[in-house]
C-alpha cells in the first residue's frame, strides 16, 4: 500500500465575498436568523414542557361519594318476584 506524505499546506478557506453576491448574502443571513429564532423558540417550548412534566398540577381530591344502597335488599326483592312468577307459571301450566 502506498504511503503519501501528510498535507501540511493550509486548505482553501471560504471567502463569501468571492462566492456570493450581496443579495445572496443578505438572503442567507435573513434565513439563518429566522432559523436561529425558530430554534430558540423550540428550545424554550421544550423547556416549558419539561417544567410542566416535572411539576404537574395536582389533581383535585374527590369529596366522597354518597352511601350506596344495600344491594342485598334489591337482590332479595327480585328473588321473591322471580320466585312468585315461577310458582304462578308452574300452577298455570300444569
PDB file of N, CA and C in Angstrom:
ATOM      1  N   UNK A   1       0.848  -1.164   0.000  1.00  0.00           N
ATOM      2  CA  UNK A   1       0.000   0.000   0.000  1.00  0.00           C
ATOM      3  C   UNK A   1       0.903   1.240   0.000  1.00  0.00           C
ATOM      4  N   UNK A   2       0.559   2.178  -0.821  1.00  0.00           N
ATOM      5  CA  UNK A   2       1.381   3.372  -0.969  1.00  0.00           C
ATOM      6  C   UNK A   2       1.133   4.332   0.184  1.00  0.00           C
ATOM      7  N   UNK A   3       2.196   4.951   0.641  1.00  0.00           N
ATOM      8  CA  UNK A   3       2.107   5.938   1.713  1.00  0.00           C
ATOM      9  C   UNK A   3       2.341   7.301   1.103  1.00  0.00           C
ATOM     10  N   UNK A   4       1.428   8.207   1.405  1.00  0.00           N
ATOM     11  CA  UNK A   4       1.573   9.557   0.857  1.00  0.00           C
ATOM     12  C   UNK A   4       1.956  10.500   1.975  1.00  0.00           C
ATOM     13  N   UNK A   5       2.655  11.556   1.662  1.00  0.00           N
ATOM     14  CA  UNK A   5       3.042  12.499   2.713  1.00  0.00           C
ATOM     15  C   UNK A   5       1.819  13.237   3.256  1.00  0.00           C
ATOM     16  N   UNK A   6       1.928  13.655   4.488  1.00  0.00           N
ATOM     17  CA  UNK A   6       0.848  14.363   5.156  1.00  0.00           C
ATOM     18  C   UNK A   6       0.697  15.752   4.537  1.00  0.00           C
ATOM     19  N   UNK A   7      -0.546  16.183   4.439  1.00  0.00           N
ATOM     20  CA  UNK A   7      -0.799  17.514   3.883  1.00  0.00           C
ATOM     21  C   UNK A   7      -0.448  18.562   4.923  1.00  0.00           C
ATOM     22  N   UNK A   8       0.511  19.380   4.639  1.00  0.00           N
ATOM     23  CA  UNK A   8       0.917  20.421   5.588  1.00  0.00           C
ATOM     24  C   UNK A   8       0.503  21.804   5.121  1.00  0.00           C
ATOM     25  N   UNK A   9       0.112  21.935   3.884  1.00  0.00           N
ATOM     26  CA  UNK A   9      -0.275  23.242   3.376  1.00  0.00           C
ATOM     27  C   UNK A   9      -1.689  23.587   3.845  1.00  0.00           C
ATOM     28  N   UNK A  10      -1.954  24.856   4.136  1.00  0.00           N
ATOM     29  CA  UNK A  10      -3.299  25.230   4.576  1.00  0.00           C
ATOM     30  C   UNK A  10      -4.290  25.054   3.422  1.00  0.00           C
ATOM     31  N   UNK A  11      -5.494  24.656   3.783  1.00  0.00           N
ATOM     32  CA  UNK A  11      -6.518  24.432   2.773  1.00  0.00           C
ATOM     33  C   UNK A  11      -7.093  25.729   2.260  1.00  0.00           C
ATOM     34  N   UNK A  12      -7.920  25.587   1.249  1.00  0.00           N
ATOM     35  CA  UNK A  12      -8.570  26.757   0.677  1.00  0.00           C
ATOM     36  C   UNK A  12      -9.654  27.225   1.647  1.00  0.00           C
ATOM     37  N   UNK A  13      -9.578  28.432   2.102  1.00  0.00           N
ATOM     38  CA  UNK A  13     -10.563  28.976   3.033  1.00  0.00           C
ATOM     39  C   UNK A  13     -11.720  29.577   2.264  1.00  0.00           C
ATOM     40  N   UNK A  14     -12.861  29.545   2.892  1.00  0.00           N
ATOM     41  CA  UNK A  14     -14.073  30.077   2.273  1.00  0.00           C
ATOM     42  C   UNK A  14     -14.085  31.583   2.391  1.00  0.00           C
ATOM     43  N   UNK A  15     -14.258  32.242   1.282  1.00  0.00           N
ATOM     44  CA  UNK A  15     -14.352  33.697   1.265  1.00  0.00           C
ATOM     45  C   UNK A  15     -15.696  34.061   0.651  1.00  0.00           C
ATOM     46  N   UNK A  16     -16.687  34.488   1.475  1.00  0.00           N
ATOM     47  CA  UNK A  16     -18.021  34.741   0.934  1.00  0.00           C
ATOM     48  C   UNK A  16     -18.050  35.867  -0.095  1.00  0.00           C
ATOM     49  N   UNK A  17     -17.112  36.785  -0.034  1.00  0.00           N
ATOM     50  CA  UNK A  17     -17.136  37.886  -0.997  1.00  0.00           C
ATOM     51  C   UNK A  17     -16.835  37.377  -2.402  1.00  0.00           C
ATOM     52  N   UNK A  18     -16.112  36.273  -2.523  1.00  0.00           N
ATOM     53  CA  UNK A  18     -15.809  35.709  -3.844  1.00  0.00           C
ATOM     54  C   UNK A  18     -16.902  34.750  -4.308  1.00  0.00           C
ATOM     55  N   UNK A  19     -17.641  34.175  -3.384  1.00  0.00           N
ATOM     56  CA  UNK A  19     -18.601  33.130  -3.727  1.00  0.00           C
ATOM     57  C   UNK A  19     -20.024  33.652  -3.898  1.00  0.00           C
ATOM     58  N   UNK A  20     -20.455  34.585  -3.065  1.00  0.00           N
ATOM     59  CA  UNK A  20     -21.853  35.021  -3.054  1.00  0.00           C
ATOM     60  C   UNK A  20     -21.971  36.491  -3.405  1.00  0.00           C
ATOM     61  N   UNK A  21     -23.089  36.832  -4.034  1.00  0.00           N
ATOM     62  CA  UNK A  21     -23.361  38.247  -4.290  1.00  0.00           C
ATOM     63  C   UNK A  21     -23.924  38.859  -3.002  1.00  0.00           C
ATOM     64  N   UNK A  22     -24.069  40.171  -2.995  1.00  0.00           N
ATOM     65  CA  UNK A  22     -24.608  40.844  -1.806  1.00  0.00           C
ATOM     66  C   UNK A  22     -26.043  40.400  -1.524  1.00  0.00           C
ATOM     67  N   UNK A  23     -26.873  40.280  -2.587  1.00  0.00           N
ATOM     68  CA  UNK A  23     -28.252  39.825  -2.396  1.00  0.00           C
ATOM     69  C   UNK A  23     -28.288  38.427  -1.798  1.00  0.00           C
ATOM     70  N   UNK A  24     -27.439  37.546  -2.323  1.00  0.00           N
ATOM     71  CA  UNK A  24     -27.416  36.188  -1.801  1.00  0.00           C
ATOM     72  C   UNK A  24     -26.981  36.165  -0.342  1.00  0.00           C
ATOM     73  N   UNK A  25     -25.999  36.985   0.004  1.00  0.00           N
ATOM     74  CA  UNK A  25     -25.552  37.043   1.401  1.00  0.00           C
ATOM     75  C   UNK A  25     -26.649  37.568   2.305  1.00  0.00           C
ATOM     76  N   UNK A  26     -27.399  38.581   1.856  1.00  0.00           N
ATOM     77  CA  UNK A  26     -28.490  39.137   2.661  1.00  0.00           C
ATOM     78  C   UNK A  26     -29.593  38.088   2.858  1.00  0.00           C
ATOM     79  N   UNK A  27     -29.963  37.398   1.781  1.00  0.00           N
ATOM     80  CA  UNK A  27     -30.990  36.359   1.906  1.00  0.00           C
ATOM     81  C   UNK A  27     -30.530  35.248   2.843  1.00  0.00           C
ATOM     82  N   UNK A  28     -29.283  34.842   2.684  1.00  0.00           N
ATOM     83  CA  UNK A  28     -28.748  33.792   3.544  1.00  0.00           C
ATOM     84  C   UNK A  28     -28.780  34.229   5.004  1.00  0.00           C
ATOM     85  N   UNK A  29     -28.408  35.462   5.270  1.00  0.00           N
ATOM     86  CA  UNK A  29     -28.389  35.974   6.634  1.00  0.00           C
ATOM     87  C   UNK A  29     -29.801  36.024   7.213  1.00  0.00           C
ATOM     88  N   UNK A  30     -30.783  36.484   6.406  1.00  0.00           N
ATOM     89  CA  UNK A  30     -32.161  36.544   6.891  1.00  0.00           C
ATOM     90  C   UNK A  30     -32.682  35.155   7.231  1.00  0.00           C
ATOM     91  N   UNK A  31     -32.423  34.209   6.344  1.00  0.00           N
ATOM     92  CA  UNK A  31     -32.903  32.845   6.581  1.00  0.00           C
ATOM     93  C   UNK A  31     -32.207  32.232   7.787  1.00  0.00           C
ATOM     94  N   UNK A  32     -30.907  32.463   7.931  1.00  0.00           N
ATOM     95  CA  UNK A  32     -30.171  31.925   9.076  1.00  0.00           C
ATOM     96  C   UNK A  32     -30.675  32.537  10.375  1.00  0.00           C
ATOM     97  N   UNK A  33     -31.001  33.828  10.364  1.00  0.00           N
ATOM     98  CA  UNK A  33     -31.519  34.475  11.572  1.00  0.00           C
ATOM     99  C   UNK A  33     -32.898  33.925  11.940  1.00  0.00           C
ATOM    100  N   UNK A  34     -33.765  33.706  10.930  1.00  0.00           N
ATOM    101  CA  UNK A  34     -35.081  33.134  11.205  1.00  0.00           C
ATOM    102  C   UNK A  34     -34.947  31.721  11.764  1.00  0.00           C
ATOM    103  N   UNK A  35     -34.007  30.953  11.203  1.00  0.00           N
ATOM    104  CA  UNK A  35     -33.799  29.591  11.702  1.00  0.00           C
ATOM    105  C   UNK A  35     -33.307  29.618  13.141  1.00  0.00           C
ATOM    106  N   UNK A  36     -32.433  30.557  13.467  1.00  0.00           N
ATOM    107  CA  UNK A  36     -31.933  30.663  14.838  1.00  0.00           C
ATOM    108  C   UNK A  36     -33.076  31.030  15.795  1.00  0.00           C
ATOM    109  N   UNK A  37     -33.971  31.920  15.358  1.00  0.00           N
ATOM    110  CA  UNK A  37     -35.117  32.286  16.197  1.00  0.00           C
ATOM    111  C   UNK A  37     -36.034  31.079  16.413  1.00  0.00           C
ATOM    112  N   UNK A  38     -36.286  30.314  15.339  1.00  0.00           N
ATOM    113  CA  UNK A  38     -37.136  29.125  15.473  1.00  0.00           C
ATOM    114  C   UNK A  38     -36.504  28.111  16.418  1.00  0.00           C
ATOM    115  N   UNK A  39     -35.194  27.932  16.321  1.00  0.00           N
ATOM    116  CA  UNK A  39     -34.520  27.003  17.242  1.00  0.00           C
ATOM    117  C   UNK A  39     -34.649  27.474  18.675  1.00  0.00           C
ATOM    118  N   UNK A  40     -34.488  28.785  18.895  1.00  0.00           N
ATOM    119  CA  UNK A  40     -34.606  29.317  20.258  1.00  0.00           C
ATOM    120  C   UNK A  40     -36.034  29.134  20.781  1.00  0.00           C
ATOM    121  N   UNK A  41     -37.043  29.384  19.920  1.00  0.00           N
ATOM    122  CA  UNK A  41     -38.436  29.196  20.342  1.00  0.00           C
ATOM    123  C   UNK A  41     -38.718  27.720  20.647  1.00  0.00           C
ATOM    124  N   UNK A  42     -38.176  26.836  19.815  1.00  0.00           N
ATOM    125  CA  UNK A  42     -38.392  25.405  20.032  1.00  0.00           C
ATOM    126  C   UNK A  42     -37.739  24.956  21.332  1.00  0.00           C
ATOM    127  N   UNK A  43     -36.544  25.457  21.623  1.00  0.00           N
ATOM    128  CA  UNK A  43     -35.878  25.105  22.882  1.00  0.00           C
ATOM    129  C   UNK A  43     -36.650  25.645  24.080  1.00  0.00           C
ATOM    130  N   UNK A  44     -37.180  26.870  23.959  1.00  0.00           N
ATOM    131  CA  UNK A  44     -37.957  27.448  25.055  1.00  0.00           C
ATOM    132  C   UNK A  44     -39.239  26.643  25.278  1.00  0.00           C
ATOM    133  N   UNK A  45     -39.897  26.233  24.192  1.00  0.00           N
ATOM    134  CA  UNK A  45     -41.120  25.436  24.325  1.00  0.00           C
ATOM    135  C   UNK A  45     -40.802  24.084  24.954  1.00  0.00           C
ATOM    136  N   UNK A  46     -39.688  23.483  24.553  1.00  0.00           N
ATOM    137  CA  UNK A  46     -39.304  22.193  25.132  1.00  0.00           C
ATOM    138  C   UNK A  46     -38.984  22.354  26.620  1.00  0.00           C
ATOM    139  N   UNK A  47     -38.367  23.453  26.986  1.00  0.00           N
ATOM    140  CA  UNK A  47     -38.037  23.700  28.390  1.00  0.00           C
ATOM    141  C   UNK A  47     -39.315  23.881  29.214  1.00  0.00           C
ATOM    142  N   UNK A  48     -40.298  24.637  28.655  1.00  0.00           N
ATOM    143  CA  UNK A  48     -41.569  24.819  29.357  1.00  0.00           C
ATOM    144  C   UNK A  48     -42.285  23.485  29.512  1.00  0.00           C
ATOM    145  N   UNK A  49     -42.269  22.675  28.453  1.00  0.00           N
ATOM    146  CA  UNK A  49     -42.935  21.367  28.513  1.00  0.00           C
ATOM    147  C   UNK A  49     -42.266  20.494  29.565  1.00  0.00           C
ATOM    148  N   UNK A  50     -40.946  20.537  29.624  1.00  0.00           N
ATOM    149  CA  UNK A  50     -40.212  19.733  30.605  1.00  0.00           C
ATOM    150  C   UNK A  50     -40.560  20.187  32.023  1.00  0.00           C
ATOM    151  N   UNK A  51     -40.684  21.496  32.231  1.00  0.00           N
ATOM    152  CA  UNK A  51     -41.043  22.002  33.553  1.00  0.00           C
ATOM    153  C   UNK A  51     -42.454  21.573  33.928  1.00  0.00           C
ATOM    154  N   UNK A  52     -43.366  21.568  32.954  1.00  0.00           N
ATOM    155  CA  UNK A  52     -44.731  21.146  33.240  1.00  0.00           C
ATOM    156  C   UNK A  52     -44.779  19.664  33.571  1.00  0.00           C
ATOM    157  N   UNK A  53     -43.943  18.867  32.913  1.00  0.00           N
ATOM    158  CA  UNK A  53     -43.918  17.440  33.201  1.00  0.00           C
ATOM    159  C   UNK A  53     -43.332  17.174  34.584  1.00  0.00           C
ATOM    160  N   UNK A  54     -42.363  17.985  35.003  1.00  0.00           N
ATOM    161  CA  UNK A  54     -41.763  17.793  36.324  1.00  0.00           C
ATOM    162  C   UNK A  54     -42.724  18.196  37.434  1.00  0.00           C
ATOM    163  N   UNK A  55     -43.471  19.269  37.222  1.00  0.00           N
ATOM    164  CA  UNK A  55     -44.362  19.800  38.255  1.00  0.00           C
ATOM    165  C   UNK A  55     -45.779  19.900  37.709  1.00  0.00           C
ATOM    166  N   UNK A  56     -46.464  18.779  37.536  1.00  0.00           N
ATOM    167  CA  UNK A  56     -47.837  18.863  37.029  1.00  0.00           C
ATOM    168  C   UNK A  56     -48.772  19.437  38.088  1.00  0.00           C
ATOM    169  N   UNK A  57     -49.885  19.940  37.622  1.00  0.00           N
ATOM    170  CA  UNK A  57     -50.877  20.469  38.556  1.00  0.00           C
ATOM    171  C   UNK A  57     -51.463  19.314  39.354  1.00  0.00           C
ATOM    172  N   UNK A  58     -51.632  19.512  40.653  1.00  0.00           N
ATOM    173  CA  UNK A  58     -52.202  18.414  41.456  1.00  0.00           C
ATOM    174  C   UNK A  58     -53.649  18.169  41.058  1.00  0.00           C
ATOM    175  N   UNK A  59     -54.012  16.909  41.076  1.00  0.00           N
ATOM    176  CA  UNK A  59     -55.386  16.568  40.732  1.00  0.00           C
ATOM    177  C   UNK A  59     -56.283  16.858  41.938  1.00  0.00           C
ATOM    178  N   UNK A  60     -57.515  17.289  41.686  1.00  0.00           N
ATOM    179  CA  UNK A  60     -58.407  17.585  42.811  1.00  0.00           C
ATOM    180  C   UNK A  60     -58.749  16.317  43.579  1.00  0.00           C
ATOM    181  N   UNK A  61     -58.874  16.474  44.877  1.00  0.00           N
ATOM    182  CA  UNK A  61     -59.203  15.345  45.745  1.00  0.00           C
ATOM    183  C   UNK A  61     -60.714  15.138  45.701  1.00  0.00           C
ATOM    184  N   UNK A  62     -61.168  13.914  45.444  1.00  0.00           N
ATOM    185  CA  UNK A  62     -62.617  13.696  45.414  1.00  0.00           C
ATOM    186  C   UNK A  62     -63.223  13.948  46.793  1.00  0.00           C
ATOM    187  N   UNK A  63     -64.429  14.498  46.810  1.00  0.00           N
ATOM    188  CA  UNK A  63     -65.080  14.881  48.060  1.00  0.00           C
ATOM    189  C   UNK A  63     -65.822  13.736  48.730  1.00  0.00           C
ATOM    190  N   UNK A  64     -65.826  12.590  48.153  1.00  0.00           N
ATOM    191  CA  UNK A  64     -66.535  11.467  48.746  1.00  0.00           C
ATOM    192  C   UNK A  64     -67.825  11.203  47.990  1.00  0.00           C
ATOM    193  N   UNK A  65     -68.291   9.993  48.094  1.00  0.00           N
ATOM    194  CA  UNK A  65     -69.486   9.597  47.379  1.00  0.00           C
ATOM    195  C   UNK A  65     -70.610   9.333  48.379  1.00  0.00           C
ATOM    196  N   UNK A  66     -71.847   9.485  47.931  1.00  0.00           N
ATOM    197  CA  UNK A  66     -72.956   9.157  48.830  1.00  0.00           C
ATOM    198  C   UNK A  66     -72.949   7.655  49.112  1.00  0.00           C
ATOM    199  N   UNK A  67     -73.534   7.301  50.235  1.00  0.00           N
ATOM    200  CA  UNK A  67     -73.550   5.886  50.623  1.00  0.00           C
ATOM    201  C   UNK A  67     -74.360   5.087  49.613  1.00  0.00           C
ATOM    202  N   UNK A  68     -73.806   3.995  49.131  1.00  0.00           N
ATOM    203  CA  UNK A  68     -74.584   3.188  48.197  1.00  0.00           C
ATOM    204  C   UNK A  68     -75.710   2.458  48.927  1.00  0.00           C
ATOM    205  N   UNK A  69     -76.779   2.227  48.205  1.00  0.00           N
ATOM    206  CA  UNK A  69     -77.889   1.493  48.801  1.00  0.00           C
ATOM    207  C   UNK A  69     -77.481   0.038  48.951  1.00  0.00           C
ATOM    208  N   UNK A  70     -78.010  -0.632  49.941  1.00  0.00           N
ATOM    209  CA  UNK A  70     -77.615  -2.032  50.130  1.00  0.00           C
ATOM    210  C   UNK A  70     -78.126  -2.895  48.981  1.00  0.00           C
ATOM    211  N   UNK A  71     -77.195  -3.632  48.366  1.00  0.00           N
ATOM    212  CA  UNK A  71     -77.563  -4.472  47.228  1.00  0.00           C
ATOM    213  C   UNK A  71     -78.296  -5.738  47.665  1.00  0.00           C
ATOM    214  N   UNK A  72     -78.098  -6.152  48.911  1.00  0.00           N
ATOM    215  CA  UNK A  72     -78.750  -7.390  49.365  1.00  0.00           C
ATOM    216  C   UNK A  72     -80.268  -7.237  49.379  1.00  0.00           C
ATOM    217  N   UNK A  73     -80.756  -6.039  49.704  1.00  0.00           N
ATOM    218  CA  UNK A  73     -82.205  -5.816  49.733  1.00  0.00           C
ATOM    219  C   UNK A  73     -82.788  -5.914  48.321  1.00  0.00           C
ATOM    220  N   UNK A  74     -82.127  -5.318  47.374  1.00  0.00           N
ATOM    221  CA  UNK A  74     -82.575  -5.396  45.996  1.00  0.00           C
ATOM    222  C   UNK A  74     -82.556  -6.839  45.500  1.00  0.00           C
ATOM    223  N   UNK A  75     -81.519  -7.593  45.879  1.00  0.00           N
ATOM    224  CA  UNK A  75     -81.418  -8.999  45.479  1.00  0.00           C
ATOM    225  C   UNK A  75     -82.557  -9.827  46.057  1.00  0.00           C
ATOM    226  N   UNK A  76     -82.862  -9.607  47.321  1.00  0.00           N
ATOM    227  CA  UNK A  76     -83.947 -10.354  47.973  1.00  0.00           C
ATOM    228  C   UNK A  76     -85.280 -10.044  47.311  1.00  0.00           C
ATOM    229  N   UNK A  77     -85.540  -8.778  47.033  1.00  0.00           N
ATOM    230  CA  UNK A  77     -86.814  -8.395  46.421  1.00  0.00           C
ATOM    231  C   UNK A  77     -86.961  -9.030  45.041  1.00  0.00           C
ATOM    232  N   UNK A  78     -85.917  -8.953  44.214  1.00  0.00           N
ATOM    233  CA  UNK A  78     -86.008  -9.545  42.878  1.00  0.00           C
ATOM    234  C   UNK A  78     -86.120 -11.073  42.941  1.00  0.00           C
ATOM    235  N   UNK A  79     -85.445 -11.684  43.901  1.00  0.00           N
ATOM    236  CA  UNK A  79     -85.574 -13.147  44.053  1.00  0.00           C
ATOM    237  C   UNK A  79     -87.012 -13.531  44.385  1.00  0.00           C
ATOM    238  N   UNK A  80     -87.645 -12.783  45.292  1.00  0.00           N
ATOM    239  CA  UNK A  80     -89.047 -13.056  45.634  1.00  0.00           C
ATOM    240  C   UNK A  80     -89.962 -12.866  44.424  1.00  0.00           C
ATOM    241  N   UNK A  81     -89.731 -11.803  43.665  1.00  0.00           N
ATOM    242  CA  UNK A  81     -90.569 -11.545  42.493  1.00  0.00           C
ATOM    243  C   UNK A  81     -90.417 -12.670  41.482  1.00  0.00           C
ATOM    244  N   UNK A  82     -89.189 -13.071  41.193  1.00  0.00           N
ATOM    245  CA  UNK A  82     -88.971 -14.154  40.235  1.00  0.00           C
ATOM    246  C   UNK A  82     -89.507 -15.490  40.755  1.00  0.00           C
ATOM    247  N   UNK A  83     -89.334 -15.756  42.055  1.00  0.00           N
ATOM    248  CA  UNK A  83     -89.869 -16.986  42.639  1.00  0.00           C
ATOM    249  C   UNK A  83     -91.373 -17.046  42.520  1.00  0.00           C
ATOM    250  N   UNK A  84     -92.052 -15.942  42.847  1.00  0.00           N
ATOM    251  CA  UNK A  84     -93.510 -15.902  42.726  1.00  0.00           C
ATOM    252  C   UNK A  84     -93.952 -16.046  41.269  1.00  0.00           C
ATOM    253  N   UNK A  85     -93.187 -15.468  40.342  1.00  0.00           N
ATOM    254  CA  UNK A  85     -93.513 -15.601  38.923  1.00  0.00           C
ATOM    255  C   UNK A  85     -93.408 -17.054  38.478  1.00  0.00           C
ATOM    256  N   UNK A  86     -92.341 -17.751  38.892  1.00  0.00           N
ATOM    257  CA  UNK A  86     -92.178 -19.157  38.509  1.00  0.00           C
ATOM    258  C   UNK A  86     -93.252 -20.044  39.150  1.00  0.00           C
ATOM    259  N   UNK A  87     -93.599 -19.757  40.381  1.00  0.00           N
ATOM    260  CA  UNK A  87     -94.675 -20.536  41.026  1.00  0.00           C
ATOM    261  C   UNK A  87     -95.992 -20.322  40.285  1.00  0.00           C
ATOM    262  N   UNK A  88     -96.300 -19.104  39.905  1.00  0.00           N
ATOM    263  CA  UNK A  88     -97.514 -18.816  39.169  1.00  0.00           C
ATOM    264  C   UNK A  88     -97.510 -19.539  37.830  1.00  0.00           C
ATOM    265  N   UNK A  89     -96.316 -19.503  37.112  1.00  0.00           N
ATOM    266  CA  UNK A  89     -96.212 -20.215  35.828  1.00  0.00           C
ATOM    267  C   UNK A  89     -96.421 -21.703  36.014  1.00  0.00           C
ATOM    268  N   UNK A  90     -95.848 -22.330  37.085  1.00  0.00           N
ATOM    269  CA  UNK A  90     -95.996 -23.764  37.328  1.00  0.00           C
ATOM    270  C   UNK A  90     -97.465 -24.139  37.562  1.00  0.00           C
ATOM    271  N   UNK A  91     -98.163 -23.348  38.362  1.00  0.00           N
ATOM    272  CA  UNK A  91     -99.563 -23.668  38.654  1.00  0.00           C
ATOM    273  C   UNK A  91    -100.478 -23.431  37.456  1.00  0.00           C
ATOM    274  N   UNK A  92    -100.138 -22.458  36.609  1.00  0.00           N
ATOM    275  CA  UNK A  92    -100.996 -22.152  35.474  1.00  0.00           C
ATOM    276  C   UNK A  92    -100.788 -23.138  34.308  1.00  0.00           C
ATOM    277  N   UNK A  93     -99.603 -23.720  34.199  1.00  0.00           N
ATOM    278  CA  UNK A  93     -99.346 -24.596  33.055  1.00  0.00           C
ATOM    279  C   UNK A  93     -99.608 -26.064  33.386  1.00  0.00           C
ATOM    280  N   UNK A  94     -99.773 -26.462  34.583  1.00  0.00           N
ATOM    281  CA  UNK A  94     -99.958 -27.890  34.885  1.00  0.00           C
ATOM    282  C   UNK A  94    -101.364 -28.347  34.898  1.00  0.00           C
TER     283      UNK A  94
END
